[in-house]
Each structure stands twice: as C-alpha cells, then as structure tokens.
Amino acid sequence: MLSGKKYPQNFRALRMLVEELLCDVVQKQGVASFAHLTETLDARARRSKTTKMWIDNLIKAVIIMLNFSRAGHEGDWYLHLLAAEAMLPYFRSAAATTMRAMVHSVFIT
C-alpha cells in the first residue's frame, strides 16, 4: 500500500500511469461519463483474462483511490462513503492472509 514519505509521489505516478492507459480509451471511443468508462472497461475485461486482471487490480483501484482523495479535499461525504465502500473488497483481499493466520493462532492456542 502507499505510505510513508513518498506517498504524494507514488500517488501522482499511479494517477499518471492510469491516465496514459486510459488516454486511448477515452479519446478513440468518445467516453464522456464515468458510467460509460466503466462499461467500456468491463467490455474490454471480458475479452481477455490479462486485461481483466489489469483493469481490476490497477485501473479500478487507482480510480477508487482518486475518488477517495477527491472526496477528502472537497468535503463530499457521499463520495467519501462510495469510495470507502468500493475499497472494502481490496481491504478484505489484502488482509486475508494476515487474518487467516491470526484466526488460526487464536483458535489453535
């Protein structure tokens, strides 16, 4: 996860990476709204397992991170709740190994 002194630089680098990855999609397909972008990404994800992995694990995660940051800067509570809700599956999968080890050690000992 992003933490420490380099957080702003890492955040900016991920944002720039996703912007470059989506540049082709937005310009050539005329994506005008977030809903249309989501539909376009889902359609591309259905074509290839590798594309699905990149979209789910990088592009959507960075978009959620950008929405969360935007909500904090603008004070938009509704957007903050939507972004936090969208983050929950990522938190669950990131902590799955740690939680399994903790639960295992609690119930075994």
Protein backbone atom coordinates (compact mmCIF):
# COMPACT_ATOMS: atom_id res chain seq x y z
CA MET A 1 0.00 0.00 0.00
CA LEU A 2 1.01 3.60 -0.31
CA SER A 3 2.53 5.03 2.83
CA GLY A 4 5.47 6.99 4.11
CA LYS A 5 7.39 9.95 2.75
CA LYS A 6 6.92 9.04 -0.90
CA TYR A 7 3.10 8.85 -0.75
CA PRO A 8 2.47 12.02 -2.84
CA GLN A 9 4.98 10.95 -5.50
CA ASN A 10 3.57 7.42 -5.67
CA PHE A 11 0.02 8.76 -5.84
CA ARG A 12 0.98 11.08 -8.69
CA ALA A 13 2.83 8.31 -10.54
CA LEU A 14 -0.16 5.94 -10.35
CA ARG A 15 -2.51 8.70 -11.48
CA MET A 16 -0.30 9.50 -14.47
CA LEU A 17 0.02 5.80 -15.34
CA VAL A 18 -3.74 5.27 -15.34
CA GLU A 19 -4.29 8.47 -17.32
CA GLU A 20 -1.92 7.22 -20.00
CA LEU A 21 -3.52 3.77 -20.04
CA LEU A 22 -7.00 5.27 -20.39
CA CYS A 23 -6.00 8.01 -22.85
CA ASP A 24 -6.58 5.73 -25.84
CA VAL A 25 -9.93 4.51 -24.49
CA VAL A 26 -11.24 7.99 -23.73
CA GLN A 27 -10.14 9.65 -26.96
CA LYS A 28 -10.91 6.94 -29.51
CA GLN A 29 -14.18 5.70 -28.04
CA GLY A 30 -15.52 9.09 -27.00
CA VAL A 31 -16.08 8.27 -23.35
CA ALA A 32 -17.90 11.22 -21.82
CA SER A 33 -19.07 9.93 -18.44
CA PHE A 34 -17.84 7.69 -15.66
CA ALA A 35 -20.66 5.21 -16.33
CA HIS A 36 -19.62 4.93 -19.97
CA LEU A 37 -15.97 4.47 -18.91
CA THR A 38 -16.98 1.68 -16.55
CA GLU A 39 -18.99 -0.05 -19.29
CA THR A 40 -16.08 0.27 -21.74
CA LEU A 41 -13.61 -1.15 -19.22
CA ASP A 42 -15.93 -4.05 -18.40
CA ALA A 43 -16.36 -4.81 -22.10
CA ARG A 44 -12.58 -4.88 -22.56
CA ALA A 45 -12.17 -7.03 -19.45
CA ARG A 46 -14.48 -9.67 -20.91
CA ARG A 47 -12.17 -10.12 -23.91
CA SER A 48 -9.04 -11.22 -22.06
CA LYS A 49 -8.08 -12.54 -18.64
CA THR A 50 -4.93 -10.42 -18.61
CA THR A 51 -6.87 -7.27 -19.43
CA LYS A 52 -9.38 -8.12 -16.70
CA MET A 53 -6.55 -8.52 -14.18
CA TRP A 54 -5.03 -5.13 -15.06
CA ILE A 55 -8.38 -3.36 -15.02
CA ASP A 56 -9.49 -4.89 -11.71
CA ASN A 57 -6.17 -4.68 -9.88
CA LEU A 58 -4.75 -1.40 -11.14
CA ILE A 59 -7.10 0.86 -13.03
CA LYS A 60 -10.21 0.48 -10.87
CA ALA A 61 -8.16 0.57 -7.66
CA VAL A 62 -6.47 3.83 -8.69
CA ILE A 63 -9.81 5.35 -9.72
CA ILE A 64 -11.20 4.47 -6.29
CA MET A 65 -8.12 5.99 -4.66
CA LEU A 66 -8.56 9.19 -6.72
CA ASN A 67 -12.25 9.41 -5.77
CA PHE A 68 -11.38 8.95 -2.09
CA SER A 69 -8.76 11.70 -2.27
CA ARG A 70 -11.16 14.00 -4.13
CA ALA A 71 -13.85 13.40 -1.52
CA GLY A 72 -11.43 14.33 1.24
CA HIS A 73 -10.32 17.52 -0.48
CA GLU A 74 -13.81 18.65 -1.42
CA GLY A 75 -15.55 17.52 1.76
CA ASP A 76 -18.02 15.42 -0.25
CA TRP A 77 -19.31 12.95 2.32
CA TYR A 78 -21.39 10.93 -0.16
CA LEU A 79 -18.40 10.40 -2.48
CA HIS A 80 -16.30 9.51 0.57
CA LEU A 81 -18.77 6.79 1.55
CA LEU A 82 -18.97 5.44 -2.02
CA ALA A 83 -15.17 5.29 -2.28
CA ALA A 84 -14.83 3.66 1.13
CA GLU A 85 -17.46 1.07 0.18
CA ALA A 86 -15.62 0.36 -3.08
CA MET A 87 -12.37 -0.13 -1.12
CA LEU A 88 -13.75 -2.87 1.14
CA PRO A 89 -13.09 -5.81 -1.23
CA TYR A 90 -9.49 -4.66 -1.66
CA PHE A 91 -9.03 -4.43 2.11
CA ARG A 92 -10.53 -7.89 2.54
CA SER A 93 -8.28 -9.49 -0.05
CA ALA A 94 -5.17 -7.66 1.21
CA ALA A 95 -5.78 -8.74 4.78
CA ALA A 96 -6.97 -12.27 4.00
CA THR A 97 -3.62 -13.92 4.65
CA THR A 98 -2.98 -11.95 7.83
CA MET A 99 -6.48 -12.57 9.14
CA ARG A 100 -6.28 -16.30 8.42
CA ALA A 101 -3.02 -16.53 10.35
CA MET A 102 -4.46 -14.56 13.27
CA VAL A 103 -7.65 -16.62 13.42
CA HIS A 104 -5.68 -19.83 13.14
CA SER A 105 -3.34 -18.86 16.00
CA VAL A 106 -6.26 -17.74 18.22
CA PHE A 107 -8.28 -20.92 17.79
CA ILE A 108 -5.31 -23.32 17.92
CA THR A 109 -3.77 -21.88 21.11
